[in-house]
N, C-alpha and C. Protein backbone atom coordinates (compact mmCIF):
# COMPACT_ATOMS: atom_id res chain seq x y z
N MET A 1 -9.69 1.80 2.95
CA MET A 1 -9.03 3.05 2.64
C MET A 1 -8.08 3.00 1.51
N HIS A 2 -8.52 3.90 0.54
CA HIS A 2 -7.66 4.04 -0.63
C HIS A 2 -6.13 4.25 -0.18
N VAL A 3 -5.25 3.68 -0.92
CA VAL A 3 -3.81 4.00 -0.56
C VAL A 3 -3.40 5.26 -0.66
N SER A 4 -3.97 6.27 -1.33
CA SER A 4 -3.64 7.49 -1.44
C SER A 4 -3.78 8.29 -0.09
N LYS A 5 -4.76 7.79 0.74
CA LYS A 5 -5.03 8.20 2.11
C LYS A 5 -3.98 7.83 3.10
N PHE A 6 -3.07 6.95 2.80
CA PHE A 6 -2.16 6.54 3.90
C PHE A 6 -1.28 7.80 4.24
N GLU A 7 -0.83 7.84 5.48
CA GLU A 7 -0.14 8.96 6.01
C GLU A 7 1.22 8.51 6.62
N PRO A 8 2.24 9.20 6.63
CA PRO A 8 3.54 8.80 7.07
C PRO A 8 3.29 8.54 8.66
N GLY A 9 3.96 7.31 8.93
CA GLY A 9 4.01 6.79 10.29
C GLY A 9 2.78 5.86 10.47
N ASP A 10 1.77 5.73 9.45
CA ASP A 10 0.76 4.71 9.78
C ASP A 10 1.47 3.30 9.72
N ARG A 11 0.85 2.43 10.46
CA ARG A 11 1.35 1.04 10.62
C ARG A 11 0.32 0.13 9.66
N ILE A 12 0.99 -0.47 8.72
CA ILE A 12 0.10 -1.08 7.73
C ILE A 12 0.42 -2.61 7.92
N THR A 13 -0.68 -3.42 7.89
CA THR A 13 -0.51 -4.83 8.08
C THR A 13 -1.08 -5.33 6.65
N ILE A 14 -0.45 -6.23 5.90
CA ILE A 14 -0.95 -6.83 4.83
C ILE A 14 -1.92 -7.87 5.18
N GLU A 15 -3.22 -7.88 4.67
CA GLU A 15 -4.20 -8.63 4.83
C GLU A 15 -4.43 -9.90 3.92
N GLN A 16 -3.96 -9.53 2.56
CA GLN A 16 -3.99 -10.61 1.69
C GLN A 16 -2.61 -10.59 0.79
N SER A 17 -2.10 -11.79 0.61
CA SER A 17 -0.85 -11.67 -0.09
C SER A 17 -1.09 -11.34 -1.59
N PHE A 18 -0.12 -10.58 -2.24
CA PHE A 18 -0.33 -10.30 -3.65
C PHE A 18 1.09 -10.00 -4.17
N THR A 19 1.21 -9.89 -5.59
CA THR A 19 2.40 -9.61 -6.25
C THR A 19 2.34 -8.12 -6.78
N ASP A 20 3.33 -7.27 -6.61
CA ASP A 20 3.21 -5.94 -7.07
C ASP A 20 3.65 -5.68 -8.57
N TYR A 21 3.63 -4.61 -8.90
CA TYR A 21 3.79 -4.24 -10.33
C TYR A 21 5.34 -4.71 -10.86
N ASP A 22 6.23 -4.91 -9.83
CA ASP A 22 7.62 -5.24 -10.14
C ASP A 22 7.92 -6.72 -9.94
N GLY A 23 6.66 -7.41 -9.58
CA GLY A 23 6.76 -8.85 -9.40
C GLY A 23 7.28 -9.22 -8.01
N LEU A 24 7.32 -8.38 -7.04
CA LEU A 24 7.72 -8.65 -5.79
C LEU A 24 6.45 -9.06 -5.00
N GLN A 25 6.62 -10.17 -4.18
CA GLN A 25 5.67 -10.83 -3.35
C GLN A 25 5.48 -10.21 -2.01
N TRP A 26 4.32 -9.73 -1.74
CA TRP A 26 3.93 -9.14 -0.37
C TRP A 26 3.15 -10.07 0.30
N ASP A 27 3.52 -10.73 1.47
CA ASP A 27 2.99 -11.85 2.19
C ASP A 27 1.93 -11.19 3.30
N ARG A 28 0.85 -11.98 3.40
CA ARG A 28 -0.25 -11.76 4.49
C ARG A 28 0.49 -11.76 5.83
N GLY A 29 0.16 -10.71 6.67
CA GLY A 29 0.77 -10.75 8.05
C GLY A 29 1.96 -9.82 7.99
N THR A 30 2.57 -9.43 6.96
CA THR A 30 3.66 -8.52 6.87
C THR A 30 3.20 -7.28 7.47
N VAL A 31 3.97 -6.63 8.47
CA VAL A 31 3.64 -5.42 9.05
C VAL A 31 4.72 -4.36 8.61
N LEU A 32 4.23 -3.22 8.05
CA LEU A 32 5.16 -2.26 7.46
C LEU A 32 4.81 -0.79 8.21
N LEU A 33 5.79 0.04 8.29
CA LEU A 33 5.77 1.47 8.61
C LEU A 33 5.75 2.16 7.39
N TYR A 34 4.62 2.91 7.23
CA TYR A 34 4.57 3.78 5.90
C TYR A 34 5.37 4.92 6.08
N GLY A 35 6.04 5.52 4.86
CA GLY A 35 6.81 6.53 4.98
C GLY A 35 6.35 7.74 3.97
N ALA A 36 6.15 7.36 2.72
CA ALA A 36 5.76 8.32 1.61
C ALA A 36 5.13 7.45 0.36
N GLN A 37 4.78 8.33 -0.38
CA GLN A 37 4.20 7.81 -1.77
C GLN A 37 4.50 8.77 -2.99
N SER A 38 4.53 8.29 -4.22
CA SER A 38 4.43 9.11 -5.28
C SER A 38 3.42 8.32 -6.37
N TYR A 39 2.89 9.26 -7.23
CA TYR A 39 1.95 8.73 -8.21
C TYR A 39 2.56 8.81 -9.56
N PHE A 40 2.52 7.63 -10.28
CA PHE A 40 2.93 7.64 -11.76
C PHE A 40 1.75 7.46 -12.63
N PRO A 41 1.30 8.79 -13.10
CA PRO A 41 -0.08 8.73 -13.84
C PRO A 41 -0.06 7.96 -15.20
N TYR A 42 0.90 7.81 -15.83
CA TYR A 42 0.79 6.88 -17.11
C TYR A 42 0.10 5.66 -16.72
N GLU A 43 0.77 4.88 -15.92
CA GLU A 43 0.12 3.64 -15.40
C GLU A 43 -0.93 3.65 -14.40
N GLY A 44 -1.28 4.90 -13.87
CA GLY A 44 -2.35 5.13 -12.95
C GLY A 44 -1.93 4.34 -11.65
N GLY A 45 -0.62 4.53 -11.24
CA GLY A 45 -0.31 3.79 -10.03
C GLY A 45 0.37 4.55 -9.17
N TYR A 46 0.65 3.82 -8.03
CA TYR A 46 1.37 4.59 -6.81
C TYR A 46 2.67 3.71 -6.44
N THR A 47 3.71 4.46 -6.18
CA THR A 47 4.91 4.00 -5.42
C THR A 47 4.83 4.24 -3.96
N LEU A 48 4.72 3.21 -3.30
CA LEU A 48 4.54 3.37 -1.84
C LEU A 48 5.97 2.97 -1.03
N THR A 49 6.38 3.83 -0.13
CA THR A 49 7.57 3.50 0.43
C THR A 49 7.35 3.21 1.90
N PHE A 50 7.92 2.10 2.27
CA PHE A 50 7.87 1.63 3.69
C PHE A 50 9.19 1.38 4.37
N ASP A 51 9.29 1.15 5.56
CA ASP A 51 10.51 0.69 6.23
C ASP A 51 11.14 -0.42 5.63
N LYS A 52 10.38 -1.35 5.17
CA LYS A 52 10.89 -2.69 4.69
C LYS A 52 11.00 -2.73 3.07
N GLY A 53 10.84 -1.71 2.41
CA GLY A 53 11.07 -1.69 1.00
C GLY A 53 10.01 -0.76 0.35
N VAL A 54 9.99 -0.88 -0.99
CA VAL A 54 9.10 -0.06 -1.95
C VAL A 54 8.26 -1.03 -2.62
N MET A 55 6.95 -0.56 -2.67
CA MET A 55 5.90 -1.23 -3.49
C MET A 55 5.33 -0.42 -4.44
N ARG A 56 5.12 -1.14 -5.78
CA ARG A 56 4.56 -0.27 -6.76
C ARG A 56 3.28 -1.08 -7.20
N ILE A 57 2.05 -0.47 -7.34
CA ILE A 57 0.91 -1.05 -7.71
C ILE A 57 0.33 0.02 -8.76
N ALA A 58 -0.39 -0.48 -9.80
CA ALA A 58 -0.89 0.27 -10.90
C ALA A 58 -2.18 -0.14 -11.42
N GLU A 59 -3.10 0.79 -11.53
CA GLU A 59 -4.35 0.53 -12.09
C GLU A 59 -4.47 -0.09 -13.49
N ASN A 60 -3.49 -0.12 -14.30
CA ASN A 60 -3.51 -0.75 -15.45
C ASN A 60 -3.29 -2.24 -15.30
N VAL A 61 -2.93 -2.74 -14.23
CA VAL A 61 -2.89 -4.12 -13.90
C VAL A 61 -4.35 -4.60 -13.38
N ASP A 62 -4.94 -5.31 -14.07
CA ASP A 62 -6.39 -5.66 -13.53
C ASP A 62 -6.43 -6.12 -12.14
N ALA A 63 -5.51 -6.80 -11.61
CA ALA A 63 -5.48 -7.36 -10.22
C ALA A 63 -5.18 -6.16 -9.20
N HIS A 64 -4.76 -5.15 -9.47
CA HIS A 64 -4.27 -4.00 -8.71
C HIS A 64 -5.36 -2.97 -8.22
N GLY A 65 -6.29 -2.96 -9.18
CA GLY A 65 -7.40 -1.93 -8.85
C GLY A 65 -8.02 -2.27 -7.40
N VAL A 66 -8.34 -3.39 -7.22
CA VAL A 66 -8.97 -3.69 -5.88
C VAL A 66 -7.97 -3.46 -4.76
N ILE A 67 -6.68 -3.70 -4.95
CA ILE A 67 -5.66 -3.48 -3.89
C ILE A 67 -5.49 -1.86 -3.66
N ILE A 68 -5.54 -1.10 -4.69
CA ILE A 68 -5.35 0.33 -4.52
C ILE A 68 -6.44 0.86 -3.94
N ARG A 69 -7.73 0.39 -4.23
CA ARG A 69 -8.95 0.95 -3.50
C ARG A 69 -9.09 0.45 -2.07
N ASN A 70 -8.56 -0.75 -1.64
CA ASN A 70 -8.62 -1.27 -0.47
C ASN A 70 -9.73 -1.08 0.36
N GLU A 71 -10.88 -1.42 -0.29
CA GLU A 71 -12.12 -1.21 0.38
C GLU A 71 -12.32 -2.20 1.65
N ALA A 72 -12.88 -1.67 2.78
CA ALA A 72 -12.86 -2.38 4.02
C ALA A 72 -11.71 -2.94 4.43
N GLN A 73 -10.54 -2.17 4.05
CA GLN A 73 -9.18 -2.81 4.57
C GLN A 73 -8.95 -4.06 4.07
N ALA A 74 -9.51 -4.50 2.99
CA ALA A 74 -9.19 -5.86 2.53
C ALA A 74 -7.88 -6.35 2.36
N PHE A 75 -6.94 -5.28 1.80
CA PHE A 75 -5.58 -5.77 1.50
C PHE A 75 -4.58 -5.10 2.55
N PHE A 76 -4.88 -4.03 2.97
CA PHE A 76 -4.14 -3.17 4.08
C PHE A 76 -4.91 -2.72 5.17
N ARG A 77 -4.53 -3.26 6.39
CA ARG A 77 -5.20 -2.75 7.59
C ARG A 77 -4.31 -1.65 8.06
N VAL A 78 -4.96 -0.53 8.21
CA VAL A 78 -4.14 0.65 8.53
C VAL A 78 -4.47 1.09 10.05
N GLU A 79 -3.26 1.32 10.69
CA GLU A 79 -3.42 1.79 12.08
C GLU A 79 -2.71 3.26 12.01
N ARG A 80 -3.40 4.16 12.43
CA ARG A 80 -2.87 5.66 12.34
C ARG A 80 -1.80 5.73 13.50
N ALA A 81 -0.82 6.50 13.01
CA ALA A 81 0.20 6.89 14.00
C ALA A 81 -0.45 7.80 15.07
N SER A 82 0.01 7.66 16.28
CA SER A 82 -0.53 8.58 17.20
C SER A 82 -0.13 10.04 17.01
N PRO A 83 -1.07 10.92 17.24
CA PRO A 83 -0.64 12.40 16.88
C PRO A 83 0.32 12.85 17.99
N PRO A 84 1.18 13.88 17.61
CA PRO A 84 2.30 14.13 18.56
C PRO A 84 1.61 14.82 19.85
N ALA A 85 2.30 14.50 20.88
CA ALA A 85 1.80 15.08 22.24
C ALA A 85 2.04 16.51 22.28
């Protein structure tokens, strides 16, 4: 699931460790609660806001394209928030 498809309230588990655009390490097994995102077109990237911090990943970084596409949930396992009752 492409990161642009994340929805507020999704529970995200990092499946593979990686370093983001700002040099922050995100470790396998970390569980995050997704809040919001913005897109920065110049770098083709995303700023993702979670309960435990902010992550930036950009298509102009070779290693980040596969992370952004997140095919077969290889980097982020997404569990949808339950719909309101």
